[in-house]
Amino acid sequence: MPGHDSLEQALAGGSPQRVGWFRFYFDDERWEWSEQVQRMHGYEPGTVTPTTELVLSHKHPDDRIQIAATLDDIRRTHKTFSTRHRIVDTHGTTHSIVVIGDQLYDEAGNVVGTHGFYVDVTPADHVTAQLVSEAVAEIAENRATIEQAKGMLMVIYRIDADAAFELLKWRSQDSNVKLRMLAEQLLADFAELRYEDTLPPRAVFDHLLLTAHERIDAASA
């Protein structure tokens, strides 16, 4: 399809406001938030320095104890994790979010923290939903692959179709890999998993999602 590559790059190359990255360093309890994550919490970019205390202060009161326990567990085990909970921004608005994190290594190969992304899965308004649907329709040639990948993310992380598409777009942008190729790699990765009656632990999917771009031939990406 003429112009397909440029269209896909335009779709994947934007800066989705519903997805952003974070880093958390264990030794000095240092946090880094992308502009999108700062905005999710109600701050203008560059106006806040996140700390563990600040991070926990934004958790919904009913979810705060659970998240504090999750942080303690991550510090102790250094494992991959994912959570679904609520945050309250500086304006008092509640957001439903999914947070997925993987191990963060230093140059010597030591685990020094965790990094990953926030996905705001608060139900989108009608306009946003329509725009996302139109964007998906534009890439009809690859729609089946992308729709399958979206469906898997929806089941695994219990998010809606719009949030799943935003997540794929963000991973495509962050890893500089075409949206279609990323979706194909995720389908291949998930198909290779071996299990019987129950799905593998969520951490397995977290790791595959965060590292899919590494398994794509750099020459073809």
Protein backbone atom coordinates (compact mmCIF):
# COMPACT_ATOMS: atom_id res chain seq x y z
CA MET A 1 0.00 0.00 0.00
CA PRO A 2 1.62 3.32 -1.06
CA GLY A 3 2.76 5.41 1.87
CA HIS A 4 2.09 2.61 4.31
CA ASP A 5 5.45 2.87 6.09
CA SER A 6 5.10 6.61 6.63
CA LEU A 7 1.55 6.12 7.93
CA GLU A 8 2.64 3.44 10.37
CA GLN A 9 5.53 5.58 11.57
CA ALA A 10 3.16 8.48 12.12
CA LEU A 11 0.81 6.31 14.15
CA ALA A 12 3.55 4.69 16.20
CA GLY A 13 5.79 7.71 16.46
CA GLY A 14 3.48 10.02 18.36
CA SER A 15 3.62 10.52 22.10
CA PRO A 16 0.61 8.76 23.62
CA GLN A 17 -0.48 10.59 26.75
CA ARG A 18 -1.93 7.40 28.26
CA VAL A 19 1.44 5.62 28.45
CA GLY A 20 4.73 6.74 29.99
CA TRP A 21 7.90 5.30 31.46
CA PHE A 22 9.43 5.23 34.94
CA ARG A 23 12.67 4.16 36.62
CA PHE A 24 13.22 3.34 40.30
CA TYR A 25 16.74 2.88 41.73
CA PHE A 26 16.90 0.75 44.86
CA ASP A 27 20.00 2.10 46.64
CA ASP A 28 19.00 5.75 46.92
CA GLU A 29 15.23 5.34 46.41
CA ARG A 30 15.51 7.58 43.34
CA TRP A 31 12.59 7.80 40.90
CA GLU A 32 12.41 9.14 37.35
CA TRP A 33 9.12 9.81 35.55
CA SER A 34 8.52 10.60 31.90
CA GLU A 35 6.49 13.69 31.04
CA GLN A 36 3.40 11.53 30.49
CA VAL A 37 3.63 9.97 33.96
CA GLN A 38 4.10 13.40 35.52
CA ARG A 39 0.94 14.57 33.76
CA MET A 40 -0.98 11.46 34.87
CA HIS A 41 -0.28 12.58 38.44
CA GLY A 42 -1.37 16.15 37.66
CA TYR A 43 2.04 17.84 37.39
CA GLU A 44 3.46 19.91 34.57
CA PRO A 45 6.68 18.31 33.28
CA GLY A 46 9.75 19.43 35.19
CA THR A 47 7.86 20.76 38.21
CA VAL A 48 8.18 17.70 40.46
CA THR A 49 10.91 15.36 41.67
CA PRO A 50 9.22 12.03 42.42
CA THR A 51 10.09 10.23 45.65
CA THR A 52 8.76 7.02 47.17
CA GLU A 53 6.73 9.12 49.61
CA LEU A 54 5.23 11.14 46.75
CA VAL A 55 4.54 8.01 44.70
CA LEU A 56 2.65 6.40 47.57
CA SER A 57 0.81 9.63 48.44
CA HIS A 58 -0.90 9.54 45.04
CA LYS A 59 -2.16 5.97 45.41
CA HIS A 60 -5.85 5.63 46.11
CA PRO A 61 -6.33 5.12 49.88
CA ASP A 62 -7.84 1.67 49.29
CA ASP A 63 -4.82 0.59 47.20
CA ARG A 64 -1.94 2.27 49.09
CA ILE A 65 -1.12 -0.61 51.46
CA GLN A 66 -1.07 -3.09 48.58
CA ILE A 67 1.32 -0.95 46.52
CA ALA A 68 3.61 -0.28 49.50
CA ALA A 69 3.84 -4.05 50.01
CA THR A 70 4.57 -4.55 46.30
CA LEU A 71 7.43 -2.03 46.47
CA ASP A 72 8.89 -3.82 49.50
CA ASP A 73 8.69 -7.11 47.62
CA ILE A 74 10.43 -5.64 44.55
CA ARG A 75 13.26 -4.24 46.67
CA ARG A 76 13.76 -7.65 48.27
CA THR A 77 13.36 -9.97 45.28
CA HIS A 78 14.29 -7.70 42.33
CA LYS A 79 11.67 -9.49 40.25
CA THR A 80 9.55 -8.42 37.30
CA PHE A 81 6.11 -7.21 38.36
CA SER A 82 2.80 -5.77 37.21
CA THR A 83 -0.02 -4.18 39.16
CA ARG A 84 -3.40 -2.66 38.44
CA HIS A 85 -4.51 0.04 40.87
CA ARG A 86 -5.78 3.61 41.17
CA ILE A 87 -3.98 6.92 41.59
CA VAL A 88 -5.41 10.31 42.53
CA ASP A 89 -3.88 13.28 40.71
CA THR A 90 -3.30 16.78 42.08
CA HIS A 91 -6.77 17.83 40.90
CA GLY A 92 -8.47 15.04 42.85
CA THR A 93 -9.26 12.97 39.75
CA THR A 94 -8.94 9.21 40.10
CA HIS A 95 -7.16 7.26 37.34
CA SER A 96 -7.10 3.49 36.88
CA ILE A 97 -3.59 2.46 35.86
CA VAL A 98 -1.57 -0.61 35.01
CA VAL A 99 2.12 -0.51 35.98
CA ILE A 100 4.53 -3.04 34.49
CA GLY A 101 8.19 -3.20 35.47
CA ASP A 102 11.27 -5.25 34.63
CA GLN A 103 14.76 -5.45 36.12
CA LEU A 104 17.04 -2.44 35.56
CA TYR A 105 20.73 -3.34 35.17
CA ASP A 106 23.88 -1.25 35.47
CA GLU A 107 26.85 -1.55 33.09
CA ALA A 108 28.31 -4.41 35.15
CA GLY A 109 25.11 -6.45 34.83
CA ASN A 110 23.94 -5.92 38.40
CA VAL A 111 20.25 -5.30 39.14
CA VAL A 112 20.09 -1.74 40.47
CA GLY A 113 16.38 -1.03 40.16
CA THR A 114 13.23 -1.52 38.17
CA HIS A 115 11.95 0.24 35.07
CA GLY A 116 8.89 -0.02 32.90
CA PHE A 117 5.74 1.92 32.16
CA TYR A 118 2.44 3.26 33.41
CA VAL A 119 -0.70 2.78 31.30
CA ASP A 120 -3.70 4.97 32.12
CA VAL A 121 -6.64 2.62 31.51
CA THR A 122 -9.30 5.01 32.77
CA PRO A 123 -12.14 4.70 30.24
CA ALA A 124 -11.40 7.05 27.35
CA ASP A 125 -13.90 9.62 26.19
CA HIS A 126 -15.84 9.13 22.95
CA VAL A 127 -13.55 11.32 20.87
CA THR A 128 -10.38 9.48 21.90
CA ALA A 129 -12.00 6.11 21.29
CA GLN A 130 -13.12 7.21 17.82
CA LEU A 131 -9.65 8.49 16.90
CA VAL A 132 -8.01 5.26 17.96
CA SER A 133 -10.56 3.22 16.01
CA GLU A 134 -9.93 5.30 12.90
CA ALA A 135 -6.18 4.88 13.29
CA VAL A 136 -6.54 1.12 13.48
CA ALA A 137 -8.76 1.13 10.38
CA GLU A 138 -6.10 3.07 8.46
CA ILE A 139 -3.67 0.17 8.72
CA ALA A 140 -6.14 -2.45 7.51
CA GLU A 141 -3.43 -4.36 5.68
CA ASN A 142 -1.90 -5.35 9.02
CA ARG A 143 -5.03 -5.12 11.10
CA ALA A 144 -5.37 -8.83 11.83
CA THR A 145 -1.90 -9.06 13.38
CA ILE A 146 -2.31 -5.93 15.44
CA GLU A 147 -5.82 -6.88 16.55
CA GLN A 148 -4.55 -10.28 17.74
CA ALA A 149 -1.75 -8.66 19.74
CA LYS A 150 -4.23 -6.17 21.19
CA GLY A 151 -6.54 -9.00 22.18
CA MET A 152 -3.79 -10.79 24.07
CA LEU A 153 -2.83 -7.63 25.95
CA MET A 154 -6.49 -7.02 26.81
CA VAL A 155 -6.80 -10.50 28.36
CA ILE A 156 -3.44 -10.50 30.14
CA TYR A 157 -3.69 -7.01 31.65
CA ARG A 158 -7.49 -6.64 31.78
CA ILE A 159 -7.47 -3.40 29.79
CA ASP A 160 -9.75 -2.15 27.03
CA ALA A 161 -8.97 -2.13 23.30
CA ASP A 162 -7.98 1.55 23.23
CA ALA A 163 -5.49 1.17 26.07
CA ALA A 164 -4.04 -1.97 24.46
CA PHE A 165 -3.51 -0.11 21.18
CA GLU A 166 -1.88 2.82 22.99
CA LEU A 167 0.41 0.33 24.75
CA LEU A 168 1.50 -1.23 21.46
CA LYS A 169 2.09 2.23 19.96
CA TRP A 170 4.19 3.29 22.92
CA ARG A 171 6.34 0.15 22.86
CA SER A 172 6.80 0.67 19.10
CA GLN A 173 7.91 4.26 19.63
CA ASP A 174 10.14 3.53 22.61
CA SER A 175 11.96 0.65 20.88
CA ASN A 176 12.00 2.22 17.39
CA VAL A 177 10.37 -0.87 15.89
CA LYS A 178 7.44 -0.79 13.47
CA LEU A 179 4.08 -1.44 15.03
CA ARG A 180 3.32 -4.43 12.80
CA MET A 181 6.70 -6.08 13.48
CA LEU A 182 6.31 -5.61 17.23
CA ALA A 183 2.83 -7.19 17.11
CA GLU A 184 4.16 -10.13 15.09
CA GLN A 185 6.99 -10.70 17.58
CA LEU A 186 4.62 -10.66 20.53
CA LEU A 187 2.35 -13.19 18.82
CA ALA A 188 5.34 -15.43 18.16
CA ASP A 189 6.63 -15.06 21.73
CA PHE A 190 3.27 -15.87 23.30
CA ALA A 191 2.74 -18.83 20.93
CA GLU A 192 6.02 -20.38 22.09
CA LEU A 193 4.99 -20.45 25.74
CA ARG A 194 4.38 -23.95 27.07
CA TYR A 195 1.58 -24.47 29.59
CA GLU A 196 -1.39 -26.77 30.18
CA ASP A 197 -4.43 -25.74 32.20
CA THR A 198 -3.39 -22.31 33.46
CA LEU A 199 -1.57 -19.37 31.92
CA PRO A 200 2.04 -18.72 32.93
CA PRO A 201 2.66 -16.16 35.70
CA ARG A 202 2.02 -12.54 34.73
CA ALA A 203 5.74 -11.82 35.14
CA VAL A 204 6.46 -14.00 32.10
CA PHE A 205 4.25 -11.80 29.91
CA ASP A 206 5.68 -8.63 31.46
CA HIS A 207 9.20 -9.65 30.46
CA LEU A 208 8.19 -10.66 26.92
CA LEU A 209 6.40 -7.36 26.36
CA LEU A 210 9.33 -5.28 27.59
CA THR A 211 11.94 -7.20 25.59
CA ALA A 212 10.12 -8.13 22.35
CA HIS A 213 12.09 -5.59 20.32
CA GLU A 214 15.34 -7.34 21.28
CA ARG A 215 14.25 -10.48 19.45
CA ILE A 216 13.51 -8.72 16.17
CA ASP A 217 16.26 -8.80 13.57
CA ALA A 218 17.79 -5.32 13.72
CA ALA A 219 18.32 -5.35 9.97
CA SER A 220 14.62 -5.81 9.27
CA ALA A 221 13.45 -3.35 11.93
